[in-house]
Structure formats: C-alpha cells, structure tokens
Amino acid sequence: MIDKVKKIYRNLSLTDKIRFSYLTILIPMIVLVIICLLNLWISNVRYKDMIESAVVAGEFSLDFKEDFDYETYLLVVENKSIEESDVYELLDSANGIVDRLYELTEDESDETLLKSAKQYLVNLRKYIERIELNLSTGNRYEENMVIWENDVQIVTGLLSETLNEYIYSEIRDIQHARDQLEHNSLMIIIITLIGAFVLIVFSIFFSIHIPRSITRPIYEIMDVTRQVAAGDLSVRTHIEYEDEVKTLGESLNIMIDKIENLLDQVTVEQIRLRHAELELLQAQINPHFLYNTLDTIVWLAETGDQDRVISMVGSLSKFFRTSLNQGKDNISIGEELEHARSYLEIQQVRYQDILSYEIDVPRGLYGYTIPKITIQPLVENALYHGIKNKRGMGHIRVTGEKHEDHFYITVTDDGIGMTKERLKQIRDRISDPEPDSKDIFGLYNVNERIRLRAGDEYGIEVDSTYGEGTTVRIKLPNNIPESMESLG
C-alpha cells in the first residue's frame, strides 16, 4: 500500500503534490477527532448502562423482600386466596428484572450473582406451590408456617443479600468506569497534543520534501555525469518522477549504453588481436619442430630403419592434424592428449636414452574441451628445460583431476628442476614476460590463451624443486567458449 501511494505521488504534478500534502494533514486531523468522540460516546453509554443497572437492582432489593414475605404470610393465614394473592406476579416481575440485569451486565462475577438470584426465585416459586398444595388439602397451617418462616423468609433474605452484592459490584464498576473516563479524557488530551505535534512535523516534512522532489533528480543527473566523466560507465540515472527530468535522464542512460558498447567492441577487438598474435607465435614454433623431426626421419631413413621412419611419419601426421583441427580453437581432452602423445612418440625416437613418458588421465575427462596445443608446449618445456639438463633417464607424466565446476591437467617431470629464485622469476614472467623471455614463451603462451578464453581465474601454476623436478598444473572450467567470437 505504501509503495502504491509512493508511486502515485511520484507521478503527480507539482500542484497535485501540494494538494496531496494538504489532504495528508487534514485527514489525520479528522480521524483523530472522530476517534476521540467515539471513545467518549462508548464510555458514556457504558457508564449510563451501569448506573441504570444499579438503580434497577436497588429498587428490586428494597421492595421485593417486604412485599413477597407479606403476601406469602397473608396466603398462609388464608387472609387471601391464591387467586387474590400477588405472589406469582411478584415472582414474574422479579424474573423480568433479573433478565433485564442480565442484558445490562458484562462482568462475569455479576453474572454469577444474577444466576444465584435466578435460582432463589425458582426456589421461591416451589415454596409457593407447596403452600398452595397444602391449602388445597386443608389442615396444614403449621406446615405452611414452617415453610414461610424457614424457607421463604430465608430465601428472600439471601436474594436481598445477593442483590446487595450485585449493587455493590455495580457501584464499584461505576467508580472504575469514572476513573477510566477520566483516564480516557487525559489520554485524549495527550493524543491530541501528540497528533498536533505530528501534524506540525508533517507540515515541515512536506515543506522540505516537495522542493526536494524537484531538485533531487537534477542533482542525480549531475552526479551521474560527473561519474561518467571520471570513467565509470556502470552508473545509470534512476529518475522515478514522470516529468521532463526523467526524459533527460533516460536520454543520458541511452548515451552511456552506446559509449559502453563501443568500448566493449574495442576491448573485444584488442583481445582478438592478442589472440591472433599468440597464434602467430605458435605457428612460428611448429616449423622449428618440423625441421628437427624431418632431420631425424632422414637420419633414420639413411640408417635403413624403415619401421621407425613409418612410426615417426605417422606420429608427425597425427601431430599436425590435431594442430590444424580444421581451424577450431578448442578440441577435446582426448584429442589434445593424442596430440601430446604424438609429440612424445616422436621425441622418444630422438631421445630414447633419456626419455620415458606416461599419460594417465581419467576417461571421464576425455569429453571436456581445452584450447588446442595446450598440453604439448608443457611437455616440450619439461623435456628441453627439465630432463635434457640432467644426467640419466628422465620421466614425464601427464595426469588429470576432475572437480565440480573445473578440472586440472598436470604435467610432471623429474628433471633438473628450478631454484627458488628461478621459480619466482618464471611465475612473474608467465603473466608479464620480458622481451627477451624466450625460454618461458611456451608457458606464457599457454597461460595467456587460457586466460583469454576462460577468464583470469584459470591458467597454469608452476611448482618446482631444484634437483627433483617440476610440476605444471593447468586449471580449466568444465565449459569454455568455443571461439573468440563468443567474447563479443
């Protein structure tokens, strides 16, 4: 309800807002007066009912016992016949008075007293009926006198006492009602003062709010323009009033959206340009590897080792088929591992005395996608910078590990490893290489392509211990964009 009123108020013209402020002050004042008058009226009605109840009960208590006892005595001494006696009329009248008191009474204790009075009247009617029966039988004067003295007079006495208690209770309630009326009168005065104070506050509030409802949207537009000038394009105006200032704010928002879209397009173009540069550098690496491999094939052919020549040519064919991948940026983990295996098969022919390898990646990861030529540069780095720099046989191991929303591919070697200083240098240069950092280009290339494709929270981590070996860990999301086009 409050939100609806706010919405209506925001759409009002200035003239209607002023009228609204007047009504907001006038209506509470009228409601306050009505509440006060209604409270006084209810209190007066209740006070009047209690006084009437006490008066009726007082009349009943004063007259009934004397009249009823006397009428019963005349009936007992046979001075009046049952037809001439008023006992039944007195009982009916008393019952009518008690019923009326029931209607006027709201207190539970008073209702209990009236129930007792009602029962006393029932007993008196039974006593009169017994006296009437004795009179019709005859010669039972003494028995009727006993009923009159021991039953009727005692019960009428109890009835009088009960009505006196009722009158006392009503007088006490009247006193309480009078106190309550005084309290209510005081509360009305206090509420009136508070209401007057609230109305004054409302008047002050509206005298401030209405001018602000005009100037605040203008200040908001000024603040947004300052933030845009400072380079923050995430801000927008949120003018809620239906007027010319809102139109101006919406136009400003449209202009900011267009500027932001243009900047996004420039950013995407820069990312694409960077991606093209990385692909170009990668393309420069492949010919160097091809030259070395062809030299090895020629050497094997000259020695007459045709089986190994055939094996190397097959591995080389698979290697370059995966590298091309029909121009796609991403391939499956299974294809990328096959690419790395082809590379290792070729290199194992060249370095059979120092190289062994193992690929142990769970089949469950084979369907996931990875930027092409990601694992092979790390394997190449492990061979040339790790195993070749130590004496004796070396081993390269490729493993995988799956998590809820990402997975890891790890390349481990037991080569020469790195010192702490060199490891720190490598970690720093992976994100920001120096111009002459050709020795870490493979790591930088892989890390940069993953970050461009998946985001800054993904990439590679390097850990190494001198004399023990090096571990390079690739972190990738379960789903990555298929191409650079998705970045736009």
Protein backbone atom coordinates (compact mmCIF):
# COMPACT_ATOMS: atom_id res chain seq x y z
CA MET A 1 0.00 0.00 0.00
CA ILE A 2 2.80 2.40 0.92
CA ASP A 3 4.65 1.59 -2.31
CA LYS A 4 1.48 2.21 -4.30
CA VAL A 5 0.98 5.63 -2.67
CA LYS A 6 4.63 6.48 -3.36
CA LYS A 7 4.24 5.51 -6.98
CA ILE A 8 1.10 7.64 -7.36
CA TYR A 9 2.79 10.57 -5.64
CA ARG A 10 5.85 10.38 -7.91
CA ASN A 11 3.63 10.63 -10.96
CA LEU A 12 1.74 13.69 -9.72
CA SER A 13 2.28 17.20 -10.94
CA LEU A 14 3.58 19.79 -8.50
CA THR A 15 0.08 21.24 -7.98
CA ASP A 16 -1.32 17.81 -7.16
CA LYS A 17 1.57 17.17 -4.78
CA ILE A 18 0.68 20.30 -2.82
CA ARG A 19 -2.97 19.26 -2.66
CA PHE A 20 -1.86 15.82 -1.53
CA SER A 21 0.16 17.37 1.28
CA TYR A 22 -2.92 19.30 2.47
CA LEU A 23 -5.03 16.15 2.49
CA THR A 24 -2.30 14.27 4.31
CA ILE A 25 -2.54 16.83 7.12
CA LEU A 26 -6.33 17.25 7.11
CA ILE A 27 -7.35 13.57 7.03
CA PRO A 28 -5.35 12.55 10.15
CA MET A 29 -6.86 15.51 11.98
CA ILE A 30 -10.42 14.42 11.12
CA VAL A 31 -9.64 10.80 12.05
CA LEU A 32 -8.21 11.96 15.38
CA VAL A 33 -11.36 13.94 16.21
CA ILE A 34 -13.64 11.03 15.24
CA ILE A 35 -11.65 8.60 17.42
CA CYS A 36 -11.86 10.95 20.41
CA LEU A 37 -15.61 11.49 20.04
CA LEU A 38 -16.26 7.78 19.51
CA ASN A 39 -14.26 6.89 22.61
CA LEU A 40 -16.22 9.41 24.71
CA TRP A 41 -19.54 8.16 23.37
CA ILE A 42 -18.70 4.49 24.12
CA SER A 43 -17.56 5.40 27.64
CA ASN A 44 -20.72 7.40 28.32
CA VAL A 45 -23.00 4.62 27.07
CA ARG A 46 -21.25 2.07 29.28
CA TYR A 47 -21.40 4.44 32.25
CA LYS A 48 -25.12 5.02 31.68
CA ASP A 49 -25.83 1.26 31.47
CA MET A 50 -24.07 0.59 34.77
CA ILE A 51 -25.98 3.35 36.57
CA GLU A 52 -29.29 2.07 35.18
CA SER A 53 -28.39 -1.47 36.24
CA ALA A 54 -27.58 -0.34 39.78
CA VAL A 55 -30.85 1.66 40.06
CA VAL A 56 -32.97 -1.27 38.86
CA ALA A 57 -31.22 -3.66 41.24
CA GLY A 58 -31.67 -1.19 44.12
CA GLU A 59 -35.42 -0.90 43.58
CA PHE A 60 -35.76 -4.66 43.41
CA SER A 61 -33.75 -5.20 46.58
CA LEU A 62 -35.71 -2.63 48.63
CA ASP A 63 -39.27 -3.63 47.70
CA PHE A 64 -39.26 -7.32 46.84
CA LYS A 65 -38.47 -8.94 50.24
CA GLU A 66 -41.02 -6.94 52.21
CA ASP A 67 -43.79 -7.32 49.64
CA PHE A 68 -43.20 -11.00 48.95
CA ASP A 69 -42.91 -12.01 52.62
CA TYR A 70 -46.15 -10.13 53.44
CA GLU A 71 -48.09 -11.57 50.52
CA THR A 72 -46.91 -15.09 51.43
CA TYR A 73 -47.97 -14.57 55.09
CA LEU A 74 -51.48 -13.46 54.01
CA LEU A 75 -51.65 -16.57 51.87
CA VAL A 76 -50.56 -18.84 54.76
CA VAL A 77 -53.07 -17.37 57.23
CA GLU A 78 -55.69 -17.68 54.49
CA ASN A 79 -56.40 -13.96 54.55
CA LYS A 80 -56.05 -14.11 50.75
CA SER A 81 -56.72 -16.90 48.35
CA ILE A 82 -54.15 -17.89 45.76
CA GLU A 83 -56.23 -16.12 43.13
CA GLU A 84 -56.27 -12.90 45.16
CA SER A 85 -52.57 -13.06 46.15
CA ASP A 86 -49.85 -11.21 44.15
CA VAL A 87 -47.03 -13.73 44.86
CA TYR A 88 -46.85 -15.04 41.31
CA GLU A 89 -46.97 -11.52 39.89
CA LEU A 90 -44.11 -10.58 42.20
CA LEU A 91 -42.09 -13.60 41.09
CA ASP A 92 -42.73 -12.87 37.41
CA SER A 93 -41.80 -9.25 37.89
CA ALA A 94 -38.61 -10.25 39.74
CA ASN A 95 -37.67 -12.68 36.98
CA GLY A 96 -38.18 -9.93 34.43
CA ILE A 97 -35.91 -7.58 36.39
CA VAL A 98 -33.18 -10.24 36.68
CA ASP A 99 -33.40 -10.92 32.93
CA ARG A 100 -33.04 -7.20 32.26
CA LEU A 101 -29.99 -7.07 34.53
CA TYR A 102 -28.53 -9.95 32.53
CA GLU A 103 -28.78 -7.79 29.41
CA LEU A 104 -27.03 -4.86 31.07
CA THR A 105 -24.30 -6.90 32.76
CA GLU A 106 -20.96 -7.78 31.10
CA ASP A 107 -18.94 -8.73 34.17
CA GLU A 108 -18.63 -12.49 34.82
CA SER A 109 -18.82 -12.16 38.62
CA ASP A 110 -22.02 -10.10 38.31
CA GLU A 111 -23.49 -12.74 36.01
CA THR A 112 -22.74 -15.36 38.68
CA LEU A 113 -24.69 -13.31 41.24
CA LEU A 114 -27.63 -12.99 38.87
CA LYS A 115 -27.61 -16.76 38.28
CA SER A 116 -27.88 -17.26 42.08
CA ALA A 117 -30.76 -14.76 42.22
CA LYS A 118 -32.46 -16.62 39.42
CA GLN A 119 -32.15 -19.89 41.34
CA TYR A 120 -33.56 -18.26 44.51
CA LEU A 121 -36.60 -17.16 42.51
CA VAL A 122 -37.04 -20.71 41.24
CA ASN A 123 -36.94 -21.99 44.85
CA LEU A 124 -39.49 -19.38 45.98
CA ARG A 125 -41.85 -20.50 43.26
CA LYS A 126 -41.53 -24.10 44.51
CA TYR A 127 -42.28 -23.00 48.10
CA ILE A 128 -45.40 -21.12 46.97
CA GLU A 129 -46.56 -24.15 45.02
CA ARG A 130 -46.14 -26.32 48.15
CA ILE A 131 -48.11 -23.79 50.23
CA GLU A 132 -50.78 -23.74 47.54
CA LEU A 133 -50.95 -27.54 47.59
CA ASN A 134 -51.25 -27.58 51.40
CA LEU A 135 -54.05 -25.00 51.27
CA SER A 136 -55.99 -27.12 48.84
CA THR A 137 -55.53 -30.17 51.07
CA GLY A 138 -56.51 -28.31 54.28
CA ASN A 139 -55.49 -28.53 57.96
CA ARG A 140 -51.82 -27.83 57.21
CA TYR A 141 -51.45 -24.38 58.68
CA GLU A 142 -48.43 -25.26 60.84
CA GLU A 143 -46.57 -26.82 57.92
CA ASN A 144 -47.18 -23.69 55.81
CA MET A 145 -45.94 -21.50 58.66
CA VAL A 146 -42.75 -23.57 58.80
CA ILE A 147 -42.30 -23.13 55.04
CA TRP A 148 -42.90 -19.38 55.38
CA GLU A 149 -40.55 -18.93 58.36
CA ASN A 150 -37.78 -21.40 57.48
CA ASP A 151 -37.81 -21.32 53.70
CA VAL A 152 -39.47 -18.27 52.20
CA GLN A 153 -38.07 -15.64 54.55
CA ILE A 154 -34.56 -17.18 54.46
CA VAL A 155 -34.52 -17.34 50.65
CA THR A 156 -35.85 -13.79 50.25
CA GLY A 157 -33.13 -12.71 52.68
CA LEU A 158 -30.47 -14.49 50.61
CA LEU A 159 -31.97 -12.95 47.48
CA SER A 160 -31.72 -9.49 49.02
CA GLU A 161 -28.11 -10.10 50.08
CA THR A 162 -27.28 -11.30 46.58
CA LEU A 163 -28.82 -8.22 45.03
CA ASN A 164 -26.98 -6.03 47.52
CA GLU A 165 -23.70 -7.67 46.45
CA TYR A 166 -24.67 -7.04 42.86
CA ILE A 167 -25.38 -3.37 43.63
CA TYR A 168 -22.02 -3.07 45.39
CA SER A 169 -20.27 -4.62 42.42
CA GLU A 170 -22.04 -2.26 40.04
CA ILE A 171 -21.15 0.76 42.16
CA ARG A 172 -17.55 -0.40 42.16
CA ASP A 173 -17.68 -0.77 38.37
CA ILE A 174 -19.19 2.70 38.13
CA GLN A 175 -16.27 4.06 40.13
CA HIS A 176 -13.87 2.18 37.87
CA ALA A 177 -15.69 3.49 34.79
CA ARG A 178 -15.47 7.01 36.14
CA ASP A 179 -11.73 6.54 36.66
CA GLN A 180 -11.46 5.09 33.20
CA LEU A 181 -13.39 8.03 31.78
CA GLU A 182 -11.02 10.41 33.48
CA HIS A 183 -8.09 8.39 32.16
CA ASN A 184 -9.56 8.39 28.65
CA SER A 185 -10.09 12.14 28.85
CA LEU A 186 -6.45 12.56 29.82
CA MET A 187 -5.35 10.21 27.02
CA ILE A 188 -7.45 12.17 24.54
CA ILE A 189 -5.71 15.33 25.59
CA ILE A 190 -2.30 13.65 25.25
CA ILE A 191 -3.19 12.11 21.89
CA THR A 192 -4.48 15.46 20.68
CA LEU A 193 -1.20 17.10 21.64
CA ILE A 194 0.80 14.29 20.00
CA GLY A 195 -1.39 14.48 16.92
CA ALA A 196 -0.87 18.22 16.73
CA PHE A 197 2.86 17.68 17.03
CA VAL A 198 2.80 15.01 14.31
CA LEU A 199 0.81 17.27 12.02
CA ILE A 200 3.36 20.02 12.56
CA VAL A 201 6.15 17.57 11.72
CA PHE A 202 4.26 16.52 8.60
CA SER A 203 3.87 20.13 7.59
CA ILE A 204 7.60 20.71 7.99
CA PHE A 205 8.36 17.47 6.13
CA PHE A 206 6.25 18.38 3.14
CA SER A 207 7.63 21.89 3.06
CA ILE A 208 11.06 20.29 2.61
CA HIS A 209 10.12 17.25 0.52
CA ILE A 210 8.19 18.96 -2.25
CA PRO A 211 11.05 21.29 -3.26
CA ARG A 212 13.47 18.37 -2.98
CA SER A 213 11.29 16.25 -5.28
CA ILE A 214 12.05 18.83 -7.97
CA THR A 215 15.76 19.45 -7.34
CA ARG A 216 16.88 15.93 -6.36
CA PRO A 217 16.50 14.39 -9.88
CA ILE A 218 18.59 17.23 -11.28
CA TYR A 219 21.29 16.62 -8.68
CA GLU A 220 21.20 12.91 -9.53
CA ILE A 221 21.79 13.63 -13.23
CA MET A 222 24.66 15.93 -12.31
CA ASP A 223 26.22 13.20 -10.14
CA VAL A 224 25.93 10.61 -12.93
CA THR A 225 27.54 12.91 -15.47
CA ARG A 226 30.46 13.52 -13.07
CA GLN A 227 31.00 9.76 -12.61
CA VAL A 228 30.83 9.16 -16.37
CA ALA A 229 33.36 11.93 -16.90
CA ALA A 230 35.60 10.14 -14.36
CA GLY A 231 35.39 6.92 -16.42
CA ASP A 232 32.69 4.95 -14.57
CA LEU A 233 30.25 3.70 -17.21
CA SER A 234 28.37 1.38 -14.85
CA VAL A 235 26.28 4.21 -13.37
CA ARG A 236 22.76 4.99 -14.58
CA THR A 237 20.12 7.52 -13.67
CA HIS A 238 17.02 6.22 -11.91
CA ILE A 239 14.54 9.10 -12.08
CA GLU A 240 11.21 7.97 -10.65
CA TYR A 241 9.18 11.11 -11.31
CA GLU A 242 7.14 11.30 -14.51
CA ASP A 243 8.32 14.67 -15.79
CA GLU A 244 10.80 16.30 -18.17
CA VAL A 245 13.75 15.48 -15.90
CA LYS A 246 13.04 11.76 -16.32
CA THR A 247 13.16 12.13 -20.11
CA LEU A 248 16.54 13.83 -19.79
CA GLY A 249 17.79 11.02 -17.52
CA GLU A 250 16.65 8.31 -19.95
CA SER A 251 18.45 10.07 -22.80
CA LEU A 252 21.62 10.17 -20.68
CA ASN A 253 21.31 6.43 -19.98
CA ILE A 254 20.99 5.67 -23.70
CA MET A 255 24.10 7.71 -24.40
CA ILE A 256 26.07 5.86 -21.68
CA ASP A 257 24.91 2.49 -23.07
CA LYS A 258 26.17 3.39 -26.52
CA ILE A 259 29.53 4.54 -25.15
CA GLU A 260 29.85 1.31 -23.15
CA ASN A 261 29.01 -0.82 -26.20
CA LEU A 262 31.65 0.97 -28.26
CA LEU A 263 34.26 0.41 -25.54
CA ASP A 264 33.29 -3.28 -25.31
CA GLN A 265 33.74 -3.63 -29.05
CA VAL A 266 37.19 -2.06 -28.81
CA THR A 267 38.09 -4.42 -25.95
CA VAL A 268 36.95 -7.49 -27.91
CA GLU A 269 38.95 -6.36 -30.92
CA GLN A 270 42.03 -5.97 -28.71
CA ILE A 271 41.50 -9.50 -27.32
CA ARG A 272 41.15 -10.88 -30.83
CA LEU A 273 44.29 -9.09 -31.91
CA ARG A 274 46.17 -10.53 -28.92
CA HIS A 275 44.84 -13.99 -29.70
CA ALA A 276 45.99 -13.65 -33.30
CA GLU A 277 49.46 -12.63 -32.10
CA LEU A 278 49.66 -15.71 -29.88
CA GLU A 279 48.53 -17.97 -32.73
CA LEU A 280 51.14 -16.40 -34.98
CA LEU A 281 53.89 -17.04 -32.45
CA GLN A 282 52.66 -20.62 -32.04
CA ALA A 283 52.78 -21.06 -35.79
CA GLN A 284 56.42 -19.98 -35.71
CA ILE A 285 57.21 -22.79 -33.26
CA ASN A 286 55.76 -25.61 -35.32
CA PRO A 287 58.19 -25.18 -38.29
CA HIS A 288 61.17 -25.42 -35.92
CA PHE A 289 59.85 -28.69 -34.51
CA LEU A 290 59.12 -29.88 -38.07
CA TYR A 291 62.71 -29.22 -39.18
CA ASN A 292 64.13 -31.23 -36.30
CA THR A 293 61.68 -34.08 -36.83
CA LEU A 294 62.38 -34.26 -40.57
CA ASP A 295 66.11 -34.35 -39.84
CA THR A 296 65.53 -37.30 -37.55
CA ILE A 297 63.40 -39.05 -40.18
CA VAL A 298 66.12 -38.51 -42.79
CA TRP A 299 68.72 -39.90 -40.40
CA LEU A 300 66.60 -42.98 -39.69
CA ALA A 301 65.99 -43.48 -43.41
CA GLU A 302 69.72 -43.34 -44.10
CA THR A 303 70.30 -45.99 -41.44
CA GLY A 304 67.63 -48.17 -43.03
CA ASP A 305 65.30 -48.19 -40.01
CA GLN A 306 62.09 -48.15 -42.04
CA ASP A 307 59.80 -49.21 -39.16
CA ARG A 308 60.79 -46.26 -37.04
CA VAL A 309 60.55 -43.96 -40.06
CA ILE A 310 56.98 -45.13 -40.66
CA SER A 311 56.16 -44.70 -36.97
CA MET A 312 57.60 -41.18 -36.86
CA VAL A 313 55.84 -40.11 -40.06
CA GLY A 314 52.52 -41.42 -38.66
CA SER A 315 53.04 -39.60 -35.35
CA LEU A 316 54.04 -36.43 -37.22
CA SER A 317 50.90 -36.68 -39.37
CA LYS A 318 48.66 -37.04 -36.29
CA PHE A 319 50.54 -34.21 -34.59
CA PHE A 320 49.90 -31.68 -37.36
CA ARG A 321 46.35 -32.92 -37.99
CA THR A 322 45.50 -32.09 -34.39
CA SER A 323 47.37 -28.77 -34.60
CA LEU A 324 45.25 -27.68 -37.55
CA ASN A 325 41.92 -29.08 -36.17
CA GLN A 326 40.01 -27.56 -39.10
CA GLY A 327 40.64 -24.05 -37.75
CA LYS A 328 38.81 -24.66 -34.44
CA ASP A 329 40.12 -23.06 -31.26
CA ASN A 330 39.03 -25.82 -28.86
CA ILE A 331 39.43 -29.59 -29.01
CA SER A 332 38.53 -32.43 -26.67
CA ILE A 333 40.87 -33.57 -23.92
CA GLY A 334 41.17 -36.91 -25.71
CA GLU A 335 42.35 -35.23 -28.93
CA GLU A 336 44.75 -32.96 -27.05
CA LEU A 337 46.26 -35.95 -25.23
CA GLU A 338 46.66 -37.74 -28.58
CA HIS A 339 48.46 -34.65 -29.84
CA ALA A 340 50.81 -34.70 -26.86
CA ARG A 341 51.32 -38.45 -27.23
CA SER A 342 52.28 -37.99 -30.91
CA TYR A 343 54.80 -35.39 -29.86
CA LEU A 344 56.27 -37.65 -27.16
CA GLU A 345 56.47 -40.60 -29.57
CA ILE A 346 58.49 -38.50 -31.99
CA GLN A 347 60.75 -37.12 -29.28
CA GLN A 348 61.24 -40.55 -27.73
CA VAL A 349 62.78 -41.71 -31.00
CA ARG A 350 65.22 -38.79 -30.85
CA TYR A 351 65.89 -39.04 -27.10
CA GLN A 352 65.31 -42.72 -26.42
CA ASP A 353 68.22 -42.90 -23.98
CA ILE A 354 66.88 -40.18 -21.66
CA LEU A 355 63.09 -40.01 -22.15
CA SER A 356 60.19 -42.12 -20.92
CA TYR A 357 56.60 -40.92 -20.51
CA GLU A 358 53.21 -41.84 -19.08
CA ILE A 359 49.74 -40.43 -19.82
CA ASP A 360 47.29 -41.28 -17.03
CA VAL A 361 44.19 -39.09 -17.43
CA PRO A 362 40.73 -40.45 -16.38
CA ARG A 363 38.50 -41.35 -19.31
CA GLY A 364 35.79 -39.21 -17.73
CA LEU A 365 37.75 -36.09 -18.74
CA TYR A 366 38.21 -37.04 -22.39
CA GLY A 367 34.96 -35.37 -23.44
CA TYR A 368 35.81 -32.00 -21.90
CA THR A 369 37.18 -29.24 -24.14
CA ILE A 370 40.54 -27.47 -23.94
CA PRO A 371 42.25 -24.83 -26.11
CA LYS A 372 44.26 -26.72 -28.70
CA ILE A 373 48.04 -27.05 -28.30
CA THR A 374 47.87 -26.58 -24.52
CA ILE A 375 49.46 -29.77 -23.13
CA GLN A 376 52.14 -30.26 -25.82
CA PRO A 377 54.04 -27.00 -25.07
CA LEU A 378 54.21 -28.00 -21.39
CA VAL A 379 55.51 -31.46 -22.32
CA GLU A 380 58.06 -29.82 -24.63
CA ASN A 381 59.12 -27.46 -21.85
CA ALA A 382 59.53 -30.43 -19.46
CA LEU A 383 61.74 -32.20 -22.00
CA TYR A 384 64.01 -29.34 -23.06
CA HIS A 385 64.32 -27.43 -19.79
CA GLY A 386 63.97 -30.30 -17.34
CA ILE A 387 65.06 -33.72 -18.49
CA LYS A 388 67.74 -32.69 -21.02
CA ASN A 389 69.51 -30.63 -18.33
CA LYS A 390 70.05 -33.58 -16.01
CA ARG A 391 72.06 -36.73 -16.48
CA GLY A 392 70.41 -40.08 -16.96
CA MET A 393 66.92 -41.23 -17.81
CA GLY A 394 64.00 -38.83 -17.21
CA HIS A 395 60.27 -39.39 -16.96
CA ILE A 396 57.32 -37.18 -17.97
CA ARG A 397 53.88 -37.93 -16.52
CA VAL A 398 50.54 -36.38 -17.62
CA THR A 399 47.59 -36.77 -15.20
CA GLY A 400 44.06 -35.34 -14.77
CA GLU A 401 41.75 -34.48 -11.89
CA LYS A 402 38.05 -33.60 -12.05
CA HIS A 403 36.18 -31.20 -9.73
CA GLU A 404 32.60 -29.89 -9.57
CA ASP A 405 32.93 -26.94 -11.96
CA HIS A 406 36.53 -27.23 -13.19
CA PHE A 407 39.29 -29.76 -13.81
CA TYR A 408 43.09 -29.97 -13.75
CA ILE A 409 45.63 -31.39 -16.20
CA THR A 410 49.07 -31.82 -14.61
CA VAL A 411 52.42 -32.31 -16.39
CA THR A 412 55.16 -33.58 -14.07
CA ASP A 413 58.82 -34.30 -14.83
CA ASP A 414 61.72 -35.50 -12.71
CA GLY A 415 64.23 -33.27 -14.47
CA ILE A 416 66.72 -30.82 -13.06
CA GLY A 417 64.03 -28.57 -11.56
CA MET A 418 64.48 -24.91 -10.63
CA THR A 419 65.91 -22.89 -7.78
CA LYS A 420 63.58 -20.76 -5.68
CA GLU A 421 64.85 -17.62 -7.38
CA ARG A 422 64.32 -19.04 -10.86
CA LEU A 423 60.86 -20.34 -9.89
CA LYS A 424 59.82 -16.89 -8.69
CA GLN A 425 61.15 -15.37 -11.91
CA ILE A 426 59.19 -17.86 -14.00
CA ARG A 427 55.96 -17.24 -12.08
CA ASP A 428 56.32 -13.47 -12.51
CA ARG A 429 57.12 -13.69 -16.22
CA ILE A 430 54.22 -16.01 -17.04
CA SER A 431 51.79 -13.13 -16.55
CA ASP A 432 54.08 -10.32 -17.74
CA PRO A 433 57.01 -11.60 -19.81
CA GLU A 434 60.05 -9.51 -20.62
CA PRO A 435 61.03 -9.01 -24.29
CA ASP A 436 63.92 -11.50 -24.06
CA SER A 437 61.99 -14.21 -22.16
CA LYS A 438 62.12 -16.76 -24.96
CA ASP A 439 62.80 -19.58 -22.51
CA ILE A 440 59.36 -19.27 -20.93
CA PHE A 441 57.38 -18.49 -24.08
CA GLY A 442 55.64 -21.87 -24.07
CA LEU A 443 54.35 -21.39 -20.54
CA TYR A 444 53.33 -17.80 -21.23
CA ASN A 445 51.57 -18.73 -24.45
CA VAL A 446 49.50 -21.48 -22.79
CA ASN A 447 48.62 -19.35 -19.78
CA GLU A 448 47.63 -16.33 -21.86
CA ARG A 449 45.43 -18.33 -24.25
CA ILE A 450 43.59 -19.98 -21.34
CA ARG A 451 43.01 -16.62 -19.63
CA LEU A 452 41.75 -15.06 -22.84
CA ARG A 453 39.39 -17.96 -23.40
CA ALA A 454 38.17 -18.85 -19.88
CA GLY A 455 38.92 -15.90 -17.60
CA ASP A 456 41.60 -14.63 -15.22
CA GLU A 457 40.83 -17.24 -12.53
CA TYR A 458 42.06 -20.01 -14.85
CA GLY A 459 45.53 -20.72 -16.28
CA ILE A 460 48.65 -22.57 -15.18
CA GLU A 461 50.50 -22.95 -11.89
CA VAL A 462 54.18 -23.85 -11.70
CA ASP A 463 55.91 -25.57 -8.82
CA SER A 464 59.46 -26.87 -8.81
CA THR A 465 62.25 -28.13 -6.55
CA TYR A 466 65.83 -28.00 -7.72
CA GLY A 467 67.26 -31.47 -8.30
CA GLU A 468 63.85 -33.16 -8.03
CA GLY A 469 61.72 -31.90 -10.91
CA THR A 470 58.92 -29.56 -11.99
CA THR A 471 55.11 -29.71 -11.94
CA VAL A 472 52.91 -27.54 -14.17
CA ARG A 473 49.20 -27.61 -13.36
CA ILE A 474 46.54 -26.43 -15.84
CA LYS A 475 43.20 -25.25 -14.38
CA LEU A 476 40.25 -25.10 -16.81
CA PRO A 477 36.46 -24.73 -16.45
CA ASN A 478 34.17 -27.59 -17.43
CA ASN A 479 32.80 -25.42 -20.25
CA ILE A 480 34.76 -22.79 -22.14
CA PRO A 481 33.76 -20.64 -25.15
CA GLU A 482 34.11 -22.44 -28.45
CA SER A 483 35.79 -19.49 -30.18
CA MET A 484 36.84 -15.90 -29.72
CA GLU A 485 33.55 -14.82 -31.33
CA SER A 486 31.72 -15.69 -28.10
CA LEU A 487 33.64 -12.99 -26.26
CA GLY A 488 31.74 -10.34 -28.16
